[in-house]
Amino acid sequence: MGESHEATIQWTGAAPMAHLLLAAAQRPYCESFSQETDGEIHVSVVIHHSNLQQLRDIADALLIDFAEIEENN
């Protein structure tokens, strides 16, 4: 069996921003989930990849996209 790596990015906040983050997370090797609790939405994005550098590159790109979304909203 080959190597498997996983990273999780989590965020909690208002629904409009959550929808933008979930849309940005729709990419290969990513699974996204959301759950509403007490009027806030909790978003989790799990990244899976067999290559650690590729996982890191995906996570970095996703974090950059998330930061841009937060800055523009």
PDB file of N, CA and C in Angstrom:
ATOM      1  N   MET A   1       0.849  -1.184   0.000  1.00  0.00           N
ATOM      2  CA  MET A   1       0.000   0.000   0.000  1.00  0.00           C
ATOM      3  C   MET A   1       0.888   1.239   0.000  1.00  0.00           C
ATOM      4  N   GLY A   2       0.563   2.232  -0.827  1.00  0.00           N
ATOM      5  CA  GLY A   2       1.331   3.457  -0.933  1.00  0.00           C
ATOM      6  C   GLY A   2       1.025   4.423   0.190  1.00  0.00           C
ATOM      7  N   GLU A   3       1.777   5.491   0.203  1.00  0.00           N
ATOM      8  CA  GLU A   3       1.571   6.532   1.216  1.00  0.00           C
ATOM      9  C   GLU A   3       0.274   7.282   0.951  1.00  0.00           C
ATOM     10  N   SER A   4      -0.300   7.786   2.028  1.00  0.00           N
ATOM     11  CA  SER A   4      -1.493   8.614   1.928  1.00  0.00           C
ATOM     12  C   SER A   4      -1.341   9.765   2.912  1.00  0.00           C
ATOM     13  N   HIS A   5      -1.596  10.964   2.450  1.00  0.00           N
ATOM     14  CA  HIS A   5      -1.470  12.154   3.287  1.00  0.00           C
ATOM     15  C   HIS A   5      -2.806  12.886   3.303  1.00  0.00           C
ATOM     16  N   GLU A   6      -3.071  13.566   4.404  1.00  0.00           N
ATOM     17  CA  GLU A   6      -4.339  14.277   4.556  1.00  0.00           C
ATOM     18  C   GLU A   6      -4.111  15.570   5.333  1.00  0.00           C
ATOM     19  N   ALA A   7      -4.791  16.624   4.912  1.00  0.00           N
ATOM     20  CA  ALA A   7      -4.782  17.896   5.635  1.00  0.00           C
ATOM     21  C   ALA A   7      -6.213  18.399   5.702  1.00  0.00           C
ATOM     22  N   THR A   8      -6.559  19.063   6.791  1.00  0.00           N
ATOM     23  CA  THR A   8      -7.907  19.592   6.964  1.00  0.00           C
ATOM     24  C   THR A   8      -7.829  21.089   7.246  1.00  0.00           C
ATOM     25  N   ILE A   9      -8.649  21.844   6.538  1.00  0.00           N
ATOM     26  CA  ILE A   9      -8.794  23.283   6.772  1.00  0.00           C
ATOM     27  C   ILE A   9     -10.206  23.491   7.289  1.00  0.00           C
ATOM     28  N   GLN A  10     -10.345  24.200   8.413  1.00  0.00           N
ATOM     29  CA  GLN A  10     -11.663  24.446   8.990  1.00  0.00           C
ATOM     30  C   GLN A  10     -11.890  25.939   9.143  1.00  0.00           C
ATOM     31  N   TRP A  11     -13.151  26.313   9.005  1.00  0.00           N
ATOM     32  CA  TRP A  11     -13.542  27.721   9.088  1.00  0.00           C
ATOM     33  C   TRP A  11     -14.949  27.775   9.658  1.00  0.00           C
ATOM     34  N   THR A  12     -15.261  28.805  10.452  1.00  0.00           N
ATOM     35  CA  THR A  12     -16.605  29.005  10.990  1.00  0.00           C
ATOM     36  C   THR A  12     -16.981  30.466  10.806  1.00  0.00           C
ATOM     37  N   GLY A  13     -18.214  30.702  10.327  1.00  0.00           N
ATOM     38  CA  GLY A  13     -18.680  32.064  10.131  1.00  0.00           C
ATOM     39  C   GLY A  13     -20.062  32.108   9.526  1.00  0.00           C
ATOM     40  N   ALA A  14     -20.359  33.226   8.865  1.00  0.00           N
ATOM     41  CA  ALA A  14     -21.681  33.481   8.308  1.00  0.00           C
ATOM     42  C   ALA A  14     -21.897  32.718   7.000  1.00  0.00           C
ATOM     43  N   ALA A  15     -23.156  32.424   6.721  1.00  0.00           N
ATOM     44  CA  ALA A  15     -23.537  31.608   5.562  1.00  0.00           C
ATOM     45  C   ALA A  15     -23.052  32.157   4.216  1.00  0.00           C
ATOM     46  N   PRO A  16     -23.186  33.460   3.923  1.00  0.00           N
ATOM     47  CA  PRO A  16     -22.755  33.929   2.598  1.00  0.00           C
ATOM     48  C   PRO A  16     -21.277  33.637   2.312  1.00  0.00           C
ATOM     49  N   MET A  17     -20.416  33.823   3.289  1.00  0.00           N
ATOM     50  CA  MET A  17     -18.998  33.545   3.107  1.00  0.00           C
ATOM     51  C   MET A  17     -18.769  32.038   3.008  1.00  0.00           C
ATOM     52  N   ALA A  18     -19.495  31.272   3.786  1.00  0.00           N
ATOM     53  CA  ALA A  18     -19.347  29.812   3.755  1.00  0.00           C
ATOM     54  C   ALA A  18     -19.629  29.267   2.369  1.00  0.00           C
ATOM     55  N   HIS A  19     -20.649  29.796   1.709  1.00  0.00           N
ATOM     56  CA  HIS A  19     -20.995  29.325   0.365  1.00  0.00           C
ATOM     57  C   HIS A  19     -19.859  29.618  -0.629  1.00  0.00           C
ATOM     58  N   LEU A  20     -19.221  30.765  -0.493  1.00  0.00           N
ATOM     59  CA  LEU A  20     -18.091  31.103  -1.364  1.00  0.00           C
ATOM     60  C   LEU A  20     -16.897  30.190  -1.119  1.00  0.00           C
ATOM     61  N   LEU A  21     -16.635  29.894   0.150  1.00  0.00           N
ATOM     62  CA  LEU A  21     -15.519  29.013   0.484  1.00  0.00           C
ATOM     63  C   LEU A  21     -15.777  27.590  -0.017  1.00  0.00           C
ATOM     64  N   LEU A  22     -17.004  27.127   0.147  1.00  0.00           N
ATOM     65  CA  LEU A  22     -17.349  25.788  -0.340  1.00  0.00           C
ATOM     66  C   LEU A  22     -17.204  25.701  -1.855  1.00  0.00           C
ATOM     67  N   ALA A  23     -17.578  26.754  -2.560  1.00  0.00           N
ATOM     68  CA  ALA A  23     -17.431  26.769  -4.014  1.00  0.00           C
ATOM     69  C   ALA A  23     -15.947  26.733  -4.398  1.00  0.00           C
ATOM     70  N   ALA A  24     -15.114  27.468  -3.668  1.00  0.00           N
ATOM     71  CA  ALA A  24     -13.677  27.501  -3.956  1.00  0.00           C
ATOM     72  C   ALA A  24     -13.022  26.148  -3.686  1.00  0.00           C
ATOM     73  N   ALA A  25     -13.603  25.375  -2.791  1.00  0.00           N
ATOM     74  CA  ALA A  25     -13.023  24.081  -2.417  1.00  0.00           C
ATOM     75  C   ALA A  25     -13.397  22.954  -3.378  1.00  0.00           C
ATOM     76  N   GLN A  26     -14.179  23.262  -4.387  1.00  0.00           N
ATOM     77  CA  GLN A  26     -14.558  22.244  -5.365  1.00  0.00           C
ATOM     78  C   GLN A  26     -13.423  22.049  -6.357  1.00  0.00           C
ATOM     79  N   ARG A  27     -12.491  21.208  -5.989  1.00  0.00           N
ATOM     80  CA  ARG A  27     -11.326  20.934  -6.820  1.00  0.00           C
ATOM     81  C   ARG A  27     -10.870  19.505  -6.560  1.00  0.00           C
ATOM     82  N   PRO A  28     -10.051  18.969  -7.446  1.00  0.00           N
ATOM     83  CA  PRO A  28      -9.583  17.596  -7.254  1.00  0.00           C
ATOM     84  C   PRO A  28      -8.858  17.414  -5.918  1.00  0.00           C
ATOM     85  N   TYR A  29      -9.017  16.252  -5.348  1.00  0.00           N
ATOM     86  CA  TYR A  29      -8.383  15.817  -4.107  1.00  0.00           C
ATOM     87  C   TYR A  29      -8.964  16.486  -2.862  1.00  0.00           C
ATOM     88  N   CYS A  30     -10.050  17.250  -3.010  1.00  0.00           N
ATOM     89  CA  CYS A  30     -10.667  17.930  -1.875  1.00  0.00           C
ATOM     90  C   CYS A  30     -12.087  17.436  -1.654  1.00  0.00           C
ATOM     91  N   GLU A  31     -12.421  17.231  -0.395  1.00  0.00           N
ATOM     92  CA  GLU A  31     -13.794  16.945   0.006  1.00  0.00           C
ATOM     93  C   GLU A  31     -14.203  18.056   0.963  1.00  0.00           C
ATOM     94  N   SER A  32     -15.367  18.626   0.749  1.00  0.00           N
ATOM     95  CA  SER A  32     -15.805  19.705   1.635  1.00  0.00           C
ATOM     96  C   SER A  32     -17.129  19.333   2.289  1.00  0.00           C
ATOM     97  N   PHE A  33     -17.278  19.804   3.526  1.00  0.00           N
ATOM     98  CA  PHE A  33     -18.456  19.535   4.328  1.00  0.00           C
ATOM     99  C   PHE A  33     -18.851  20.818   5.046  1.00  0.00           C
ATOM    100  N   SER A  34     -20.126  20.951   5.335  1.00  0.00           N
ATOM    101  CA  SER A  34     -20.568  22.091   6.141  1.00  0.00           C
ATOM    102  C   SER A  34     -21.652  21.634   7.102  1.00  0.00           C
ATOM    103  N   GLN A  35     -21.721  22.352   8.217  1.00  0.00           N
ATOM    104  CA  GLN A  35     -22.724  22.063   9.235  1.00  0.00           C
ATOM    105  C   GLN A  35     -23.105  23.366   9.904  1.00  0.00           C
ATOM    106  N   GLU A  36     -24.397  23.587  10.060  1.00  0.00           N
ATOM    107  CA  GLU A  36     -24.864  24.811  10.718  1.00  0.00           C
ATOM    108  C   GLU A  36     -25.122  24.532  12.189  1.00  0.00           C
ATOM    109  N   THR A  37     -24.608  25.430  13.050  1.00  0.00           N
ATOM    110  CA  THR A  37     -24.801  25.322  14.487  1.00  0.00           C
ATOM    111  C   THR A  37     -24.978  26.718  15.054  1.00  0.00           C
ATOM    112  N   ASP A  38     -26.090  26.942  15.719  1.00  0.00           N
ATOM    113  CA  ASP A  38     -26.358  28.232  16.377  1.00  0.00           C
ATOM    114  C   ASP A  38     -26.199  29.423  15.437  1.00  0.00           C
ATOM    115  N   GLY A  39     -26.680  29.293  14.207  1.00  0.00           N
ATOM    116  CA  GLY A  39     -26.657  30.392  13.266  1.00  0.00           C
ATOM    117  C   GLY A  39     -25.346  30.590  12.530  1.00  0.00           C
ATOM    118  N   GLU A  40     -24.337  29.799  12.824  1.00  0.00           N
ATOM    119  CA  GLU A  40     -23.070  29.879  12.117  1.00  0.00           C
ATOM    120  C   GLU A  40     -22.868  28.589  11.327  1.00  0.00           C
ATOM    121  N   ILE A  41     -22.072  28.701  10.278  1.00  0.00           N
ATOM    122  CA  ILE A  41     -21.779  27.527   9.472  1.00  0.00           C
ATOM    123  C   ILE A  41     -20.320  27.152   9.676  1.00  0.00           C
ATOM    124  N   HIS A  42     -20.116  25.880   9.948  1.00  0.00           N
ATOM    125  CA  HIS A  42     -18.765  25.331  10.110  1.00  0.00           C
ATOM    126  C   HIS A  42     -18.414  24.608   8.821  1.00  0.00           C
ATOM    127  N   VAL A  43     -17.323  25.022   8.183  1.00  0.00           N
ATOM    128  CA  VAL A  43     -16.866  24.431   6.925  1.00  0.00           C
ATOM    129  C   VAL A  43     -15.580  23.653   7.191  1.00  0.00           C
ATOM    130  N   SER A  44     -15.518  22.438   6.676  1.00  0.00           N
ATOM    131  CA  SER A  44     -14.298  21.626   6.723  1.00  0.00           C
ATOM    132  C   SER A  44     -13.951  21.210   5.309  1.00  0.00           C
ATOM    133  N   VAL A  45     -12.690  21.357   4.958  1.00  0.00           N
ATOM    134  CA  VAL A  45     -12.190  20.891   3.672  1.00  0.00           C
ATOM    135  C   VAL A  45     -11.056  19.916   3.972  1.00  0.00           C
ATOM    136  N   VAL A  46     -11.225  18.687   3.519  1.00  0.00           N
ATOM    137  CA  VAL A  46     -10.219  17.656   3.720  1.00  0.00           C
ATOM    138  C   VAL A  46      -9.524  17.418   2.383  1.00  0.00           C
ATOM    139  N   ILE A  47      -8.211  17.513   2.396  1.00  0.00           N
ATOM    140  CA  ILE A  47      -7.403  17.316   1.196  1.00  0.00           C
ATOM    141  C   ILE A  47      -6.670  15.987   1.355  1.00  0.00           C
ATOM    142  N   HIS A  48      -6.795  15.126   0.346  1.00  0.00           N
ATOM    143  CA  HIS A  48      -6.125  13.821   0.337  1.00  0.00           C
ATOM    144  C   HIS A  48      -5.205  13.754  -0.869  1.00  0.00           C
ATOM    145  N   HIS A  49      -4.000  13.264  -0.667  1.00  0.00           N
ATOM    146  CA  HIS A  49      -3.111  13.049  -1.811  1.00  0.00           C
ATOM    147  C   HIS A  49      -2.024  12.058  -1.415  1.00  0.00           C
ATOM    148  N   SER A  50      -1.541  11.297  -2.378  1.00  0.00           N
ATOM    149  CA  SER A  50      -0.483  10.325  -2.108  1.00  0.00           C
ATOM    150  C   SER A  50       0.900  10.981  -2.070  1.00  0.00           C
ATOM    151  N   ASN A  51       1.008  12.179  -2.616  1.00  0.00           N
ATOM    152  CA  ASN A  51       2.280  12.891  -2.666  1.00  0.00           C
ATOM    153  C   ASN A  51       2.212  14.084  -1.711  1.00  0.00           C
ATOM    154  N   LEU A  52       3.091  14.122  -0.738  1.00  0.00           N
ATOM    155  CA  LEU A  52       3.048  15.168   0.286  1.00  0.00           C
ATOM    156  C   LEU A  52       3.243  16.566  -0.301  1.00  0.00           C
ATOM    157  N   GLN A  53       4.146  16.730  -1.254  1.00  0.00           N
ATOM    158  CA  GLN A  53       4.361  18.049  -1.855  1.00  0.00           C
ATOM    159  C   GLN A  53       3.125  18.504  -2.618  1.00  0.00           C
ATOM    160  N   GLN A  54       2.480  17.595  -3.326  1.00  0.00           N
ATOM    161  CA  GLN A  54       1.266  17.948  -4.057  1.00  0.00           C
ATOM    162  C   GLN A  54       0.152  18.346  -3.087  1.00  0.00           C
ATOM    163  N   LEU A  55       0.037  17.634  -1.967  1.00  0.00           N
ATOM    164  CA  LEU A  55      -0.957  17.988  -0.955  1.00  0.00           C
ATOM    165  C   LEU A  55      -0.680  19.398  -0.436  1.00  0.00           C
ATOM    166  N   ARG A  56       0.576  19.686  -0.176  1.00  0.00           N
ATOM    167  CA  ARG A  56       0.940  21.017   0.320  1.00  0.00           C
ATOM    168  C   ARG A  56       0.616  22.097  -0.708  1.00  0.00           C
ATOM    169  N   ASP A  57       0.894  21.829  -1.983  1.00  0.00           N
ATOM    170  CA  ASP A  57       0.592  22.796  -3.039  1.00  0.00           C
ATOM    171  C   ASP A  57      -0.911  23.065  -3.127  1.00  0.00           C
ATOM    172  N   ILE A  58      -1.714  22.012  -3.014  1.00  0.00           N
ATOM    173  CA  ILE A  58      -3.173  22.164  -3.062  1.00  0.00           C
ATOM    174  C   ILE A  58      -3.645  22.972  -1.859  1.00  0.00           C
ATOM    175  N   ALA A  59      -3.137  22.642  -0.665  1.00  0.00           N
ATOM    176  CA  ALA A  59      -3.528  23.360   0.550  1.00  0.00           C
ATOM    177  C   ALA A  59      -3.130  24.837   0.465  1.00  0.00           C
ATOM    178  N   ASP A  60      -1.929  25.110  -0.018  1.00  0.00           N
ATOM    179  CA  ASP A  60      -1.474  26.501  -0.159  1.00  0.00           C
ATOM    180  C   ASP A  60      -2.376  27.281  -1.112  1.00  0.00           C
ATOM    181  N   ALA A  61      -2.704  26.685  -2.253  1.00  0.00           N
ATOM    182  CA  ALA A  61      -3.567  27.359  -3.231  1.00  0.00           C
ATOM    183  C   ALA A  61      -4.952  27.612  -2.644  1.00  0.00           C
ATOM    184  N   LEU A  62      -5.457  26.647  -1.907  1.00  0.00           N
ATOM    185  CA  LEU A  62      -6.780  26.800  -1.296  1.00  0.00           C
ATOM    186  C   LEU A  62      -6.763  27.909  -0.245  1.00  0.00           C
ATOM    187  N   LEU A  63      -5.734  27.961   0.565  1.00  0.00           N
ATOM    188  CA  LEU A  63      -5.632  29.018   1.573  1.00  0.00           C
ATOM    189  C   LEU A  63      -5.509  30.404   0.937  1.00  0.00           C
ATOM    190  N   ILE A  64      -4.798  30.498  -0.164  1.00  0.00           N
ATOM    191  CA  ILE A  64      -4.706  31.770  -0.886  1.00  0.00           C
ATOM    192  C   ILE A  64      -6.079  32.183  -1.393  1.00  0.00           C
ATOM    193  N   ASP A  65      -6.827  31.240  -1.975  1.00  0.00           N
ATOM    194  CA  ASP A  65      -8.179  31.542  -2.455  1.00  0.00           C
ATOM    195  C   ASP A  65      -9.087  31.955  -1.306  1.00  0.00           C
ATOM    196  N   PHE A  66      -8.998  31.259  -0.172  1.00  0.00           N
ATOM    197  CA  PHE A  66      -9.816  31.605   0.993  1.00  0.00           C
ATOM    198  C   PHE A  66      -9.484  33.015   1.485  1.00  0.00           C
ATOM    199  N   ALA A  67      -8.204  33.364   1.518  1.00  0.00           N
ATOM    200  CA  ALA A  67      -7.801  34.700   1.971  1.00  0.00           C
ATOM    201  C   ALA A  67      -8.350  35.777   1.041  1.00  0.00           C
ATOM    202  N   GLU A  68      -8.308  35.541  -0.257  1.00  0.00           N
ATOM    203  CA  GLU A  68      -8.858  36.502  -1.215  1.00  0.00           C
ATOM    204  C   GLU A  68     -10.367  36.666  -1.038  1.00  0.00           C
ATOM    205  N   ILE A  69     -11.049  35.573  -0.778  1.00  0.00           N
ATOM    206  CA  ILE A  69     -12.503  35.637  -0.541  1.00  0.00           C
ATOM    207  C   ILE A  69     -12.777  36.467   0.701  1.00  0.00           C
ATOM    208  N   GLU A  70     -12.034  36.218   1.768  1.00  0.00           N
ATOM    209  CA  GLU A  70     -12.249  36.979   3.008  1.00  0.00           C
ATOM    210  C   GLU A  70     -11.945  38.464   2.817  1.00  0.00           C
ATOM    211  N   GLU A  71     -10.897  38.795   2.076  1.00  0.00           N
ATOM    212  CA  GLU A  71     -10.539  40.195   1.845  1.00  0.00           C
ATOM    213  C   GLU A  71     -11.572  40.941   1.018  1.00  0.00           C
ATOM    214  N   ASN A  72     -12.230  40.235   0.113  1.00  0.00           N
ATOM    215  CA  ASN A  72     -13.162  40.880  -0.815  1.00  0.00           C
ATOM    216  C   ASN A  72     -14.612  40.839  -0.351  1.00  0.00           C
ATOM    217  N   ASN A  73     -14.856  40.309   0.837  1.00  0.00           N
ATOM    218  CA  ASN A  73     -16.253  40.229   1.315  1.00  0.00           C
ATOM    219  C   ASN A  73     -16.388  40.775   2.709  1.00  0.00           C
TER     220      ASN A  73
END
